[in-house]
Amino acid sequence: MSSGYITTSDGTQIFYKDWGDKSAQPIVFHHGWPLTADDWDTQMLFFLANGYRVVAHDRRGHGRSSQVDTGNDMDHYAADASTVVEHLGLTNAVHIGHSTGGGEVARYVARFGEPQGRVAKAVLISAVPPIMVKTKANPGGLPIAVFDGLRKALADNRAQFFHDLPAGPFYGYNRPAAKIDESIIHNWWRQGMMGGASAHYDGIKAFSETDQTDDLKAITVPTLVMHGEDDQIVPIAGSALLSVKLLKNGTLKSYPGYPHGMITTHAEVINADLLAFIRG
């Protein structure tokens, strides 16, 4: 089947897409908050055309998956991803995660993928690890007030918040020279509003307060860390520049002027670099 559902051990239904030759090397895409597998459409079509099997799922509480009010944390996100991978019997897979999906990839690869021998390579794009929030151990992180503000905006008027974020800093559309694409903003809003408000609210804690230092240290497969230097959502200094130092086999590729949502705004460049890494 090209799409379907699997049920996790706690009864959550997870929607997934599975396109391409089932004997081809699989690439598994992990989306950002509060989006869906649809955010990877451009990449999935590109890699499908290049002969790969492409897989993506909607995280619990997001998109077409169950709108659960429990388990909206990085441990469950990674375990759910593992359930999809095991159900499809994927091996020698490349796991690519954007933003919160990058955190999901790091925890999945460290706790499931590598121990099971299922992972060939990993890619963290605009990703949240090692940890976003400011703590004593992470003095360069963002103040908790930033994430409290996100929670308040979501609770007050999620529909407006889910318009303002992509219309502004997510894609860098608040920059003076930005060329705004309204269809991209609408598609972000569409994906966000498909999910559950409770899961999205809890997800803010998951992506901002989860310390993934040990996950990064445990990963040994080749890992590409890609990040925009003008990322206003997950600033590069507190994420990619730290993550690559913790990875045993990590490579950093940064992009001057690129925003957080560069997989969409600069898909041609990102896709070509991903292909080179996977083939290399």
C-alpha atoms as a PDB file:
ATOM      1  CA  MET A   1       0.000   0.000   0.000  1.00  0.00           C
ATOM      2  CA  SER A   2       1.155   3.547  -0.687  1.00  0.00           C
ATOM      3  CA  SER A   3      -0.342   4.819   2.585  1.00  0.00           C
ATOM      4  CA  GLY A   4      -1.965   3.406   5.682  1.00  0.00           C
ATOM      5  CA  TYR A   5      -2.141   3.330   9.460  1.00  0.00           C
ATOM      6  CA  ILE A   6      -0.320   1.404  12.144  1.00  0.00           C
ATOM      7  CA  THR A   7      -1.399   1.162  15.776  1.00  0.00           C
ATOM      8  CA  THR A   8       1.193   1.668  18.502  1.00  0.00           C
ATOM      9  CA  SER A   9       1.374  -0.263  21.783  1.00  0.00           C
ATOM     10  CA  ASP A  10      -0.702   2.429  23.541  1.00  0.00           C
ATOM     11  CA  GLY A  11      -3.420   2.346  20.882  1.00  0.00           C
ATOM     12  CA  THR A  12      -2.419   5.464  18.947  1.00  0.00           C
ATOM     13  CA  GLN A  13      -3.030   5.317  15.204  1.00  0.00           C
ATOM     14  CA  ILE A  14      -0.151   6.663  13.140  1.00  0.00           C
ATOM     15  CA  PHE A  15      -0.710   7.614   9.501  1.00  0.00           C
ATOM     16  CA  TYR A  16       2.135   6.962   7.063  1.00  0.00           C
ATOM     17  CA  LYS A  17       2.998   7.243   3.365  1.00  0.00           C
ATOM     18  CA  ASP A  18       5.188   4.641   1.657  1.00  0.00           C
ATOM     19  CA  TRP A  19       6.024   5.373  -1.982  1.00  0.00           C
ATOM     20  CA  GLY A  20       8.317   3.670  -4.464  1.00  0.00           C
ATOM     21  CA  ASP A  21      10.032   0.379  -5.187  1.00  0.00           C
ATOM     22  CA  LYS A  22       9.993  -1.657  -1.992  1.00  0.00           C
ATOM     23  CA  SER A  23      13.411  -3.123  -2.830  1.00  0.00           C
ATOM     24  CA  ALA A  24      15.016   0.343  -3.134  1.00  0.00           C
ATOM     25  CA  GLN A  25      16.942   2.019  -0.322  1.00  0.00           C
ATOM     26  CA  PRO A  26      14.436   3.719   1.983  1.00  0.00           C
ATOM     27  CA  ILE A  27      14.552   7.344   3.051  1.00  0.00           C
ATOM     28  CA  VAL A  28      12.400   8.158   6.082  1.00  0.00           C
ATOM     29  CA  PHE A  29      11.319  11.766   6.608  1.00  0.00           C
ATOM     30  CA  HIS A  30      10.379  13.193  10.025  1.00  0.00           C
ATOM     31  CA  HIS A  31       8.425  16.473   9.959  1.00  0.00           C
ATOM     32  CA  GLY A  32       8.564  19.551  12.148  1.00  0.00           C
ATOM     33  CA  TRP A  33       6.071  20.978  14.652  1.00  0.00           C
ATOM     34  CA  PRO A  34       3.088  21.408  14.168  1.00  0.00           C
ATOM     35  CA  LEU A  35       3.085  20.071  10.618  1.00  0.00           C
ATOM     36  CA  THR A  36       2.547  16.725   8.862  1.00  0.00           C
ATOM     37  CA  ALA A  37       4.222  14.340   6.435  1.00  0.00           C
ATOM     38  CA  ASP A  38       2.929  16.645   3.677  1.00  0.00           C
ATOM     39  CA  ASP A  39       5.678  19.134   4.527  1.00  0.00           C
ATOM     40  CA  TRP A  40       8.060  16.716   2.788  1.00  0.00           C
ATOM     41  CA  ASP A  41       6.110  16.493  -0.496  1.00  0.00           C
ATOM     42  CA  THR A  42       8.829  18.208  -2.539  1.00  0.00           C
ATOM     43  CA  GLN A  43      11.579  15.986  -1.115  1.00  0.00           C
ATOM     44  CA  MET A  44       9.545  12.799  -1.408  1.00  0.00           C
ATOM     45  CA  LEU A  45       8.752  13.408  -5.068  1.00  0.00           C
ATOM     46  CA  PHE A  46      12.385  14.309  -5.779  1.00  0.00           C
ATOM     47  CA  PHE A  47      13.832  11.193  -4.172  1.00  0.00           C
ATOM     48  CA  LEU A  48      11.102   8.987  -5.607  1.00  0.00           C
ATOM     49  CA  ALA A  49      12.146  10.203  -9.061  1.00  0.00           C
ATOM     50  CA  ASN A  50      15.745   9.339  -8.177  1.00  0.00           C
ATOM     51  CA  GLY A  51      14.891   5.720  -7.449  1.00  0.00           C
ATOM     52  CA  TYR A  52      14.490   5.690  -3.682  1.00  0.00           C
ATOM     53  CA  ARG A  53      11.690   4.330  -1.508  1.00  0.00           C
ATOM     54  CA  VAL A  54      10.324   7.271   0.467  1.00  0.00           C
ATOM     55  CA  VAL A  55       8.422   7.051   3.748  1.00  0.00           C
ATOM     56  CA  ALA A  56       6.928   9.707   6.013  1.00  0.00           C
ATOM     57  CA  HIS A  57       4.425   9.641   8.859  1.00  0.00           C
ATOM     58  CA  ASP A  58       2.271  12.118  10.740  1.00  0.00           C
ATOM     59  CA  ARG A  59       3.522  12.406  14.314  1.00  0.00           C
ATOM     60  CA  ARG A  60       1.016  11.471  17.032  1.00  0.00           C
ATOM     61  CA  GLY A  61      -1.381  14.345  17.605  1.00  0.00           C
ATOM     62  CA  HIS A  62      -0.533  15.794  14.186  1.00  0.00           C
ATOM     63  CA  GLY A  63      -2.231  15.564  10.804  1.00  0.00           C
ATOM     64  CA  ARG A  64      -4.099  12.330  10.160  1.00  0.00           C
ATOM     65  CA  SER A  65      -2.760  10.494  13.202  1.00  0.00           C
ATOM     66  CA  SER A  66      -4.743  10.170  16.440  1.00  0.00           C
ATOM     67  CA  GLN A  67      -5.262  13.445  18.306  1.00  0.00           C
ATOM     68  CA  VAL A  68      -4.046  11.946  21.564  1.00  0.00           C
ATOM     69  CA  ASP A  69      -3.650  13.942  24.770  1.00  0.00           C
ATOM     70  CA  THR A  70      -0.912  11.630  26.104  1.00  0.00           C
ATOM     71  CA  GLY A  71       2.560  10.662  24.948  1.00  0.00           C
ATOM     72  CA  ASN A  72       3.319  13.952  23.244  1.00  0.00           C
ATOM     73  CA  ASP A  73       7.015  13.773  24.103  1.00  0.00           C
ATOM     74  CA  MET A  74      10.259  12.848  22.369  1.00  0.00           C
ATOM     75  CA  ASP A  75      10.333   9.321  23.807  1.00  0.00           C
ATOM     76  CA  HIS A  76       6.949   8.470  22.308  1.00  0.00           C
ATOM     77  CA  TYR A  77       7.749  10.277  19.049  1.00  0.00           C
ATOM     78  CA  ALA A  78      10.830   8.086  18.577  1.00  0.00           C
ATOM     79  CA  ALA A  79       9.027   4.906  19.619  1.00  0.00           C
ATOM     80  CA  ASP A  80       6.195   5.663  17.172  1.00  0.00           C
ATOM     81  CA  ALA A  81       8.716   6.171  14.375  1.00  0.00           C
ATOM     82  CA  SER A  82      10.283   2.839  15.287  1.00  0.00           C
ATOM     83  CA  THR A  83       6.884   1.163  15.098  1.00  0.00           C
ATOM     84  CA  VAL A  84       6.431   2.472  11.546  1.00  0.00           C
ATOM     85  CA  VAL A  85       9.930   1.363  10.523  1.00  0.00           C
ATOM     86  CA  GLU A  86       9.500  -2.116  11.985  1.00  0.00           C
ATOM     87  CA  HIS A  87       6.025  -2.506  10.463  1.00  0.00           C
ATOM     88  CA  LEU A  88       7.441  -1.706   7.014  1.00  0.00           C
ATOM     89  CA  GLY A  89      10.555  -3.803   7.582  1.00  0.00           C
ATOM     90  CA  LEU A  90      12.931  -0.976   6.673  1.00  0.00           C
ATOM     91  CA  THR A  91      16.697  -1.561   6.780  1.00  0.00           C
ATOM     92  CA  ASN A  92      19.705   0.382   5.458  1.00  0.00           C
ATOM     93  CA  ALA A  93      17.525   3.479   5.815  1.00  0.00           C
ATOM     94  CA  VAL A  94      18.456   7.142   5.738  1.00  0.00           C
ATOM     95  CA  HIS A  95      16.518   9.150   8.338  1.00  0.00           C
ATOM     96  CA  ILE A  96      16.006  12.857   7.673  1.00  0.00           C
ATOM     97  CA  GLY A  97      14.409  15.151  10.241  1.00  0.00           C
ATOM     98  CA  HIS A  98      13.466  18.827  10.140  1.00  0.00           C
ATOM     99  CA  SER A  99      13.223  20.916  13.320  1.00  0.00           C
ATOM    100  CA  THR A 100      11.338  18.830  15.927  1.00  0.00           C
ATOM    101  CA  GLY A 101      11.682  15.968  13.459  1.00  0.00           C
ATOM    102  CA  GLY A 102      15.439  16.319  13.845  1.00  0.00           C
ATOM    103  CA  GLY A 103      15.040  15.651  17.543  1.00  0.00           C
ATOM    104  CA  GLU A 104      12.865  12.668  16.703  1.00  0.00           C
ATOM    105  CA  VAL A 105      15.568  11.348  14.355  1.00  0.00           C
ATOM    106  CA  ALA A 106      18.302  11.755  16.969  1.00  0.00           C
ATOM    107  CA  ARG A 107      16.352   9.851  19.616  1.00  0.00           C
ATOM    108  CA  TYR A 108      15.119   7.206  17.169  1.00  0.00           C
ATOM    109  CA  VAL A 109      18.584   6.499  15.743  1.00  0.00           C
ATOM    110  CA  ALA A 110      20.222   6.412  19.186  1.00  0.00           C
ATOM    111  CA  ARG A 111      17.626   4.242  20.914  1.00  0.00           C
ATOM    112  CA  PHE A 112      16.145   2.112  18.153  1.00  0.00           C
ATOM    113  CA  GLY A 113      17.666   2.465  14.708  1.00  0.00           C
ATOM    114  CA  GLU A 114      21.337   1.846  15.440  1.00  0.00           C
ATOM    115  CA  PRO A 115      20.824  -0.845  18.104  1.00  0.00           C
ATOM    116  CA  GLN A 116      18.591  -2.711  15.618  1.00  0.00           C
ATOM    117  CA  GLY A 117      21.040  -2.207  12.743  1.00  0.00           C
ATOM    118  CA  ARG A 118      18.433  -0.478  10.571  1.00  0.00           C
ATOM    119  CA  VAL A 119      20.108   2.885   9.867  1.00  0.00           C
ATOM    120  CA  ALA A 120      22.700   3.768   7.212  1.00  0.00           C
ATOM    121  CA  LYS A 121      22.846   7.560   7.617  1.00  0.00           C
ATOM    122  CA  ALA A 122      21.039  10.424   9.321  1.00  0.00           C
ATOM    123  CA  VAL A 123      20.364  14.071   8.521  1.00  0.00           C
ATOM    124  CA  LEU A 124      19.371  16.810  10.973  1.00  0.00           C
ATOM    125  CA  ILE A 125      17.935  19.876   9.219  1.00  0.00           C
ATOM    126  CA  SER A 126      17.223  23.083  11.167  1.00  0.00           C
ATOM    127  CA  ALA A 127      17.001  20.671  14.085  1.00  0.00           C
ATOM    128  CA  VAL A 128      16.284  21.351  17.763  1.00  0.00           C
ATOM    129  CA  PRO A 129      19.028  19.243  19.442  1.00  0.00           C
ATOM    130  CA  PRO A 130      20.877  19.297  21.681  1.00  0.00           C
ATOM    131  CA  ILE A 131      18.402  21.435  23.708  1.00  0.00           C
ATOM    132  CA  MET A 132      16.727  24.755  22.965  1.00  0.00           C
ATOM    133  CA  VAL A 133      15.823  26.169  26.372  1.00  0.00           C
ATOM    134  CA  LYS A 134      18.288  28.074  28.524  1.00  0.00           C
ATOM    135  CA  THR A 135      19.500  26.113  31.555  1.00  0.00           C
ATOM    136  CA  LYS A 136      22.552  26.194  33.828  1.00  0.00           C
ATOM    137  CA  ALA A 137      24.126  23.567  31.590  1.00  0.00           C
ATOM    138  CA  ASN A 138      22.980  25.411  28.439  1.00  0.00           C
ATOM    139  CA  PRO A 139      23.472  29.130  29.151  1.00  0.00           C
ATOM    140  CA  GLY A 140      23.254  30.018  25.457  1.00  0.00           C
ATOM    141  CA  GLY A 141      19.725  28.671  25.089  1.00  0.00           C
ATOM    142  CA  LEU A 142      16.510  30.639  24.682  1.00  0.00           C
ATOM    143  CA  PRO A 143      14.698  31.812  27.844  1.00  0.00           C
ATOM    144  CA  ILE A 144      11.692  29.733  28.932  1.00  0.00           C
ATOM    145  CA  ALA A 145       9.613  32.903  28.453  1.00  0.00           C
ATOM    146  CA  VAL A 146       9.991  32.447  24.678  1.00  0.00           C
ATOM    147  CA  PHE A 147       8.278  29.061  24.836  1.00  0.00           C
ATOM    148  CA  ASP A 148       5.698  30.264  27.347  1.00  0.00           C
ATOM    149  CA  GLY A 149       4.846  32.910  24.756  1.00  0.00           C
ATOM    150  CA  LEU A 150       4.327  30.234  22.100  1.00  0.00           C
ATOM    151  CA  ARG A 151       2.018  28.330  24.442  1.00  0.00           C
ATOM    152  CA  LYS A 152      -0.013  31.453  25.205  1.00  0.00           C
ATOM    153  CA  ALA A 153      -0.347  32.349  21.520  1.00  0.00           C
ATOM    154  CA  LEU A 154      -1.517  28.823  20.719  1.00  0.00           C
ATOM    155  CA  ALA A 155      -4.036  28.748  23.563  1.00  0.00           C
ATOM    156  CA  ASP A 156      -5.391  32.247  22.823  1.00  0.00           C
ATOM    157  CA  ASN A 157      -5.938  31.848  19.081  1.00  0.00           C
ATOM    158  CA  ARG A 158      -4.292  28.881  17.424  1.00  0.00           C
ATOM    159  CA  ALA A 159      -5.612  29.747  13.949  1.00  0.00           C
ATOM    160  CA  GLN A 160      -4.096  33.239  14.062  1.00  0.00           C
ATOM    161  CA  PHE A 161      -0.838  31.975  15.566  1.00  0.00           C
ATOM    162  CA  PHE A 162      -0.558  29.329  12.850  1.00  0.00           C
ATOM    163  CA  HIS A 163      -0.877  32.074  10.245  1.00  0.00           C
ATOM    164  CA  ASP A 164       1.532  34.537  11.825  1.00  0.00           C
ATOM    165  CA  LEU A 165       4.393  32.067  12.322  1.00  0.00           C
ATOM    166  CA  PRO A 166       4.797  31.029   8.652  1.00  0.00           C
ATOM    167  CA  ALA A 167       3.939  34.550   7.459  1.00  0.00           C
ATOM    168  CA  GLY A 168       6.825  35.839   9.573  1.00  0.00           C
ATOM    169  CA  PRO A 169       9.959  34.207  10.981  1.00  0.00           C
ATOM    170  CA  PHE A 170       9.489  30.550   9.967  1.00  0.00           C
ATOM    171  CA  TYR A 171      10.248  31.205   6.304  1.00  0.00           C
ATOM    172  CA  GLY A 172      12.057  34.502   6.835  1.00  0.00           C
ATOM    173  CA  TYR A 173       9.135  36.387   5.321  1.00  0.00           C
ATOM    174  CA  ASN A 174       9.647  39.127   7.896  1.00  0.00           C
ATOM    175  CA  ARG A 175      12.962  40.071   6.284  1.00  0.00           C
ATOM    176  CA  PRO A 176      12.965  43.259   4.122  1.00  0.00           C
ATOM    177  CA  ALA A 177      14.016  41.545   0.879  1.00  0.00           C
ATOM    178  CA  ALA A 178      11.825  38.469   1.292  1.00  0.00           C
ATOM    179  CA  LYS A 179       9.662  37.277  -1.600  1.00  0.00           C
ATOM    180  CA  ILE A 180       6.506  36.095   0.129  1.00  0.00           C
ATOM    181  CA  ASP A 181       4.680  33.067  -1.259  1.00  0.00           C
ATOM    182  CA  GLU A 182       1.122  33.047   0.110  1.00  0.00           C
ATOM    183  CA  SER A 183       0.563  29.440  -0.981  1.00  0.00           C
ATOM    184  CA  ILE A 184       3.371  28.292   1.333  1.00  0.00           C
ATOM    185  CA  ILE A 185       1.794  30.180   4.243  1.00  0.00           C
ATOM    186  CA  HIS A 186      -1.613  28.651   3.490  1.00  0.00           C
ATOM    187  CA  ASN A 187      -0.160  25.150   3.248  1.00  0.00           C
ATOM    188  CA  TRP A 188       1.595  25.555   6.612  1.00  0.00           C
ATOM    189  CA  TRP A 189      -1.670  26.744   8.178  1.00  0.00           C
ATOM    190  CA  ARG A 190      -3.577  23.838   6.588  1.00  0.00           C
ATOM    191  CA  GLN A 191      -1.179  21.275   7.995  1.00  0.00           C
ATOM    192  CA  GLY A 192      -1.079  22.850  11.431  1.00  0.00           C
ATOM    193  CA  MET A 193      -4.841  23.069  11.814  1.00  0.00           C
ATOM    194  CA  MET A 194      -5.219  19.377  10.910  1.00  0.00           C
ATOM    195  CA  GLY A 195      -3.618  18.414  14.227  1.00  0.00           C
ATOM    196  CA  GLY A 196      -4.806  18.582  17.815  1.00  0.00           C
ATOM    197  CA  ALA A 197      -4.362  21.697  19.940  1.00  0.00           C
ATOM    198  CA  SER A 198      -3.521  19.632  23.039  1.00  0.00           C
ATOM    199  CA  ALA A 199      -0.782  17.686  21.261  1.00  0.00           C
ATOM    200  CA  HIS A 200       0.626  20.869  19.751  1.00  0.00           C
ATOM    201  CA  TYR A 201       0.631  22.580  23.149  1.00  0.00           C
ATOM    202  CA  ASP A 202       2.500  19.665  24.757  1.00  0.00           C
ATOM    203  CA  GLY A 203       4.821  19.478  21.759  1.00  0.00           C
ATOM    204  CA  ILE A 204       6.317  22.867  22.623  1.00  0.00           C
ATOM    205  CA  LYS A 205       7.773  21.377  25.806  1.00  0.00           C
ATOM    206  CA  ALA A 206       8.952  18.329  23.865  1.00  0.00           C
ATOM    207  CA  PHE A 207      10.924  20.294  21.288  1.00  0.00           C
ATOM    208  CA  SER A 208      12.276  22.952  23.648  1.00  0.00           C
ATOM    209  CA  GLU A 209      13.102  21.167  26.912  1.00  0.00           C
ATOM    210  CA  THR A 210      14.278  17.707  25.832  1.00  0.00           C
ATOM    211  CA  ASP A 211      18.015  17.323  26.406  1.00  0.00           C
ATOM    212  CA  GLN A 212      19.359  15.212  23.544  1.00  0.00           C
ATOM    213  CA  THR A 213      23.055  15.461  24.336  1.00  0.00           C
ATOM    214  CA  ASP A 214      23.297  11.736  25.060  1.00  0.00           C
ATOM    215  CA  ASP A 215      21.349  10.874  21.897  1.00  0.00           C
ATOM    216  CA  LEU A 216      23.846  12.762  19.761  1.00  0.00           C
ATOM    217  CA  LYS A 217      26.814  11.184  21.525  1.00  0.00           C
ATOM    218  CA  ALA A 218      25.384   7.696  20.924  1.00  0.00           C
ATOM    219  CA  ILE A 219      24.997   8.090  17.134  1.00  0.00           C
ATOM    220  CA  THR A 220      27.857   6.635  15.098  1.00  0.00           C
ATOM    221  CA  VAL A 221      26.444   6.524  11.545  1.00  0.00           C
ATOM    222  CA  PRO A 222      27.409   9.360   9.170  1.00  0.00           C
ATOM    223  CA  THR A 223      25.224  12.331  10.074  1.00  0.00           C
ATOM    224  CA  LEU A 224      24.784  15.526   8.091  1.00  0.00           C
ATOM    225  CA  VAL A 225      23.791  18.614  10.073  1.00  0.00           C
ATOM    226  CA  MET A 226      22.205  21.260   7.806  1.00  0.00           C
ATOM    227  CA  HIS A 227      21.170  24.654   9.129  1.00  0.00           C
ATOM    228  CA  GLY A 228      20.280  28.101   7.852  1.00  0.00           C
ATOM    229  CA  GLU A 229      22.416  30.888   9.266  1.00  0.00           C
ATOM    230  CA  ASP A 230      19.356  33.168   9.453  1.00  0.00           C
ATOM    231  CA  ASP A 231      17.179  30.635  11.277  1.00  0.00           C
ATOM    232  CA  GLN A 232      14.985  32.724  13.598  1.00  0.00           C
ATOM    233  CA  ILE A 233      13.147  29.735  15.105  1.00  0.00           C
ATOM    234  CA  VAL A 234      16.059  27.467  16.045  1.00  0.00           C
ATOM    235  CA  PRO A 235      19.147  29.721  16.064  1.00  0.00           C
ATOM    236  CA  ILE A 236      22.182  27.949  14.652  1.00  0.00           C
ATOM    237  CA  ALA A 237      24.530  28.873  17.510  1.00  0.00           C
ATOM    238  CA  GLY A 238      22.522  26.927  20.080  1.00  0.00           C
ATOM    239  CA  SER A 239      21.740  23.945  17.877  1.00  0.00           C
ATOM    240  CA  ALA A 240      23.733  22.833  14.830  1.00  0.00           C
ATOM    241  CA  LEU A 241      27.042  24.312  15.989  1.00  0.00           C
ATOM    242  CA  LEU A 242      26.750  22.379  19.243  1.00  0.00           C
ATOM    243  CA  SER A 243      25.278  19.192  17.773  1.00  0.00           C
ATOM    244  CA  VAL A 244      28.056  18.611  15.264  1.00  0.00           C
ATOM    245  CA  LYS A 245      30.603  18.649  18.109  1.00  0.00           C
ATOM    246  CA  LEU A 246      28.706  15.912  19.955  1.00  0.00           C
ATOM    247  CA  LEU A 247      28.310  13.587  16.973  1.00  0.00           C
ATOM    248  CA  LYS A 248      31.025  10.983  16.412  1.00  0.00           C
ATOM    249  CA  ASN A 249      30.652  11.138  12.631  1.00  0.00           C
ATOM    250  CA  GLY A 250      28.979  14.475  11.977  1.00  0.00           C
ATOM    251  CA  THR A 251      29.401  17.002   9.169  1.00  0.00           C
ATOM    252  CA  LEU A 252      28.036  20.554   9.280  1.00  0.00           C
ATOM    253  CA  LYS A 253      26.705  22.377   6.227  1.00  0.00           C
ATOM    254  CA  SER A 254      25.391  25.863   6.917  1.00  0.00           C
ATOM    255  CA  TYR A 255      23.580  28.203   4.538  1.00  0.00           C
ATOM    256  CA  PRO A 256      24.041  31.997   4.719  1.00  0.00           C
ATOM    257  CA  GLY A 257      20.710  33.828   4.792  1.00  0.00           C
ATOM    258  CA  TYR A 258      18.563  30.689   4.756  1.00  0.00           C
ATOM    259  CA  PRO A 259      15.524  30.551   7.106  1.00  0.00           C
ATOM    260  CA  HIS A 260      14.190  27.805   9.349  1.00  0.00           C
ATOM    261  CA  GLY A 261      11.866  26.512   6.624  1.00  0.00           C
ATOM    262  CA  MET A 262      14.620  26.186   4.038  1.00  0.00           C
ATOM    263  CA  ILE A 263      13.497  22.716   2.957  1.00  0.00           C
ATOM    264  CA  THR A 264      10.585  24.554   1.311  1.00  0.00           C
ATOM    265  CA  THR A 265      12.005  27.940   0.352  1.00  0.00           C
ATOM    266  CA  HIS A 266      15.279  26.520  -0.992  1.00  0.00           C
ATOM    267  CA  ALA A 267      14.227  22.984  -1.870  1.00  0.00           C
ATOM    268  CA  GLU A 268      16.381  22.778  -5.006  1.00  0.00           C
ATOM    269  CA  VAL A 269      19.592  23.437  -3.096  1.00  0.00           C
ATOM    270  CA  ILE A 270      18.661  21.288  -0.101  1.00  0.00           C
ATOM    271  CA  ASN A 271      17.539  18.344  -2.252  1.00  0.00           C
ATOM    272  CA  ALA A 272      20.757  18.370  -4.274  1.00  0.00           C
ATOM    273  CA  ASP A 273      22.886  18.445  -1.114  1.00  0.00           C
ATOM    274  CA  LEU A 274      20.850  15.636   0.455  1.00  0.00           C
ATOM    275  CA  LEU A 275      21.263  13.505  -2.650  1.00  0.00           C
ATOM    276  CA  ALA A 276      25.020  14.077  -2.677  1.00  0.00           C
ATOM    277  CA  PHE A 277      25.268  13.052   0.986  1.00  0.00           C
ATOM    278  CA  ILE A 278      23.146   9.943   0.553  1.00  0.00           C
ATOM    279  CA  ARG A 279      25.067   8.817  -2.533  1.00  0.00           C
ATOM    280  CA  GLY A 280      28.457   9.714  -1.043  1.00  0.00           C
END
